[in-house]
Amino acid sequence: MKFLILFVYVFSNLLFGQSTKTDPKLLQRIEALEKRMAHLEKVNSQTQQDLSLVEKKADDAKFASESRISILQNENEKKSFISKLKTELKSEEVKSQGPWTKKETWNQVRRNLTEFKVRKLLGNPNQIKGSLNPRIERVYHYQGDIDGDGIEEKGFVNFYKGKSVSFESPL
């Protein structure tokens, strides 16, 4: 009986036992897989960190949008916000109308400039009117809310015989 147990034990070791020889190709593949696994674990860790940052920013953005919505639920605040926005938009529109909205260009205006030079310097006026004053033939009007305070600034250039005779800056 002991002999049978010994025989089964030895026979099973011979059949299922690992050989002592190692295959170099197999070892290289195992090392390559271990390196790849380490790299993937590192990338996974970085991805997890990035994901947590994105989740935090999303939560912050959600909170910020919810707080904005709650601010504008009061009817008076809505009207105030809309009127301020309207004023700012008008101001930006006026500023984009031309160089007349800048103080530097008005500093270059002087007497005896031709109408062409004034238009080239300040841009096209908002209005051109004739004058009842015999010493003024034409008036270029430049007007708009430049600084966004709700008050419209007005400037003009007076011409006689095609030359500027006087002007007033809106700034």
Protein backbone atom coordinates (compact mmCIF):
# COMPACT_ATOMS: atom_id res chain seq x y z
CA MET A 1 0.00 0.00 0.00
CA LYS A 2 2.79 2.39 0.82
CA PHE A 3 4.38 1.50 -2.44
CA LEU A 4 1.22 2.37 -4.34
CA ILE A 5 0.94 5.76 -2.64
CA LEU A 6 4.60 6.45 -3.37
CA PHE A 7 4.16 5.41 -6.99
CA VAL A 8 1.12 7.71 -7.46
CA TYR A 9 2.96 10.58 -5.82
CA VAL A 10 6.07 10.23 -8.00
CA PHE A 11 4.05 9.63 -11.15
CA SER A 12 1.89 12.74 -10.55
CA ASN A 13 4.98 14.88 -9.96
CA LEU A 14 6.47 13.68 -13.21
CA LEU A 15 3.31 14.36 -15.19
CA PHE A 16 2.19 17.66 -13.64
CA GLY A 17 5.38 19.04 -12.19
CA GLN A 18 7.02 22.15 -13.57
CA SER A 19 10.15 21.67 -15.52
CA THR A 20 13.25 23.28 -14.14
CA LYS A 21 14.22 24.67 -17.52
CA THR A 22 12.98 28.23 -18.21
CA ASP A 23 12.15 29.46 -21.65
CA PRO A 24 13.89 32.86 -22.33
CA LYS A 25 11.10 33.97 -24.68
CA LEU A 26 8.53 33.22 -22.05
CA LEU A 27 10.48 35.22 -19.47
CA GLN A 28 10.72 38.19 -21.86
CA ARG A 29 6.98 38.09 -22.50
CA ILE A 30 6.28 37.96 -18.78
CA GLU A 31 8.58 40.94 -18.13
CA ALA A 32 6.95 42.88 -20.99
CA LEU A 33 3.51 42.12 -19.56
CA GLU A 34 4.62 43.25 -16.10
CA LYS A 35 5.95 46.54 -17.52
CA ARG A 36 2.77 47.08 -19.47
CA MET A 37 0.69 46.33 -16.38
CA ALA A 38 2.69 48.86 -14.32
CA HIS A 39 2.25 51.48 -17.05
CA LEU A 40 -1.51 50.84 -17.24
CA GLU A 41 -1.82 51.11 -13.45
CA LYS A 42 0.00 54.46 -13.55
CA VAL A 43 -2.22 55.76 -16.34
CA ASN A 44 -5.30 54.55 -14.48
CA SER A 45 -4.18 56.43 -11.37
CA GLN A 46 -3.71 59.64 -13.36
CA THR A 47 -7.10 59.18 -15.01
CA GLN A 48 -8.74 58.76 -11.61
CA GLN A 49 -7.14 62.00 -10.41
CA ASP A 50 -8.28 63.84 -13.54
CA LEU A 51 -11.77 62.45 -13.14
CA SER A 52 -11.98 63.66 -9.54
CA LEU A 53 -10.87 67.16 -10.65
CA VAL A 54 -13.50 67.22 -13.41
CA GLU A 55 -16.19 66.09 -10.97
CA LYS A 56 -15.20 68.85 -8.56
CA LYS A 57 -15.31 71.50 -11.31
CA ALA A 58 -18.68 70.20 -12.49
CA ASP A 59 -20.04 70.48 -8.95
CA ASP A 60 -18.67 74.03 -8.66
CA ALA A 61 -20.23 75.00 -11.99
CA LYS A 62 -23.54 73.47 -10.98
CA PHE A 63 -23.50 75.37 -7.70
CA ALA A 64 -22.60 78.62 -9.47
CA SER A 65 -25.40 78.24 -12.01
CA GLU A 66 -27.91 77.41 -9.28
CA SER A 67 -26.87 80.47 -7.27
CA ARG A 68 -27.24 82.72 -10.34
CA ILE A 69 -30.71 81.39 -10.99
CA SER A 70 -31.73 81.98 -7.39
CA ILE A 71 -30.45 85.58 -7.54
CA LEU A 72 -32.59 86.40 -10.56
CA GLN A 73 -35.83 85.00 -9.15
CA ASN A 74 -36.69 88.33 -7.52
CA GLU A 75 -38.67 90.44 -10.02
CA ASN A 76 -36.97 93.75 -9.12
CA GLU A 77 -33.52 92.21 -9.44
CA LYS A 78 -34.44 90.81 -12.84
CA LYS A 79 -35.52 94.24 -14.06
CA SER A 80 -32.40 95.86 -12.66
CA PHE A 81 -30.15 93.24 -14.25
CA ILE A 82 -31.88 93.54 -17.60
CA SER A 83 -31.68 97.34 -17.60
CA LYS A 84 -27.97 97.26 -16.71
CA LEU A 85 -27.37 94.68 -19.42
CA LYS A 86 -29.27 96.79 -21.95
CA THR A 87 -27.22 99.87 -21.05
CA GLU A 88 -23.95 97.97 -21.33
CA LEU A 89 -24.94 96.50 -24.69
CA LYS A 90 -25.87 99.95 -26.01
CA SER A 91 -22.55 101.31 -24.75
CA GLU A 92 -20.63 98.53 -26.50
CA GLU A 93 -22.62 99.15 -29.68
CA VAL A 94 -21.80 102.86 -29.56
CA LYS A 95 -18.11 102.16 -28.93
CA SER A 96 -18.04 99.96 -32.00
CA GLN A 97 -19.48 102.74 -34.18
CA GLY A 98 -16.12 104.30 -34.84
CA PRO A 99 -13.11 106.20 -33.62
CA TRP A 100 -15.19 109.17 -32.44
CA THR A 101 -15.71 107.28 -29.15
CA LYS A 102 -12.04 107.73 -28.21
CA LYS A 103 -10.62 110.84 -26.58
CA GLU A 104 -7.36 110.60 -28.57
CA THR A 105 -9.15 111.16 -31.86
CA TRP A 106 -11.00 114.21 -30.55
CA ASN A 107 -7.64 115.62 -29.42
CA GLN A 108 -6.56 115.59 -33.08
CA VAL A 109 -9.57 117.64 -34.24
CA ARG A 110 -8.81 121.30 -34.84
CA ARG A 111 -10.07 124.25 -36.87
CA ASN A 112 -9.69 124.37 -40.67
CA LEU A 113 -9.94 120.60 -41.20
CA THR A 114 -11.94 119.61 -44.27
CA GLU A 115 -15.11 117.57 -43.93
CA PHE A 116 -13.25 114.64 -45.53
CA LYS A 117 -10.44 114.82 -42.96
CA VAL A 118 -12.90 115.02 -40.08
CA ARG A 119 -14.78 111.96 -41.38
CA LYS A 120 -11.51 110.13 -41.84
CA LEU A 121 -10.45 111.04 -38.29
CA LEU A 122 -13.75 110.57 -36.38
CA GLY A 123 -15.67 108.29 -38.72
CA ASN A 124 -19.12 108.90 -40.16
CA PRO A 125 -21.36 111.05 -37.95
CA ASN A 126 -24.67 109.87 -36.52
CA GLN A 127 -26.40 112.93 -38.01
CA ILE A 128 -25.58 115.71 -40.45
CA LYS A 129 -27.70 118.83 -40.13
CA GLY A 130 -27.79 122.25 -41.65
CA SER A 131 -27.62 125.30 -39.42
CA LEU A 132 -29.60 128.53 -39.23
CA ASN A 133 -26.46 130.33 -38.09
CA PRO A 134 -25.05 132.18 -41.11
CA ARG A 135 -21.47 131.37 -40.06
CA ILE A 136 -22.16 127.63 -39.88
CA GLU A 137 -23.34 125.71 -42.95
CA ARG A 138 -23.26 122.11 -41.70
CA VAL A 139 -23.04 120.32 -38.36
CA TYR A 140 -21.78 116.76 -37.82
CA HIS A 141 -23.35 115.22 -34.72
CA TYR A 142 -21.71 112.32 -32.87
CA GLN A 143 -23.82 110.94 -30.03
CA GLY A 144 -24.20 107.82 -27.91
CA ASP A 145 -23.77 106.38 -24.43
CA ILE A 146 -20.02 105.79 -24.46
CA ASP A 147 -19.34 105.01 -20.80
CA GLY A 148 -22.48 102.93 -20.13
CA ASP A 149 -23.93 105.20 -17.45
CA GLY A 150 -27.29 105.66 -19.22
CA ILE A 151 -26.55 109.28 -20.18
CA GLU A 152 -25.99 109.96 -23.86
CA GLU A 153 -22.82 111.91 -24.63
CA LYS A 154 -22.96 114.35 -27.54
CA GLY A 155 -20.23 115.86 -29.65
CA PHE A 156 -20.35 117.96 -32.79
CA VAL A 157 -18.21 119.62 -35.43
CA ASN A 158 -19.38 122.82 -37.17
CA PHE A 159 -18.36 123.56 -40.79
CA TYR A 160 -18.34 126.70 -42.88
CA LYS A 161 -17.34 126.54 -46.54
CA GLY A 162 -16.19 122.93 -46.14
CA LYS A 163 -13.79 123.66 -43.23
CA SER A 164 -14.27 123.06 -39.52
CA VAL A 165 -14.82 126.23 -37.54
CA SER A 166 -15.63 124.84 -34.08
CA PHE A 167 -16.20 121.53 -32.34
CA GLU A 168 -17.12 120.03 -28.99
CA SER A 169 -15.92 116.64 -27.79
CA PRO A 170 -18.39 114.28 -26.09
CA LEU A 171 -15.67 113.06 -23.74
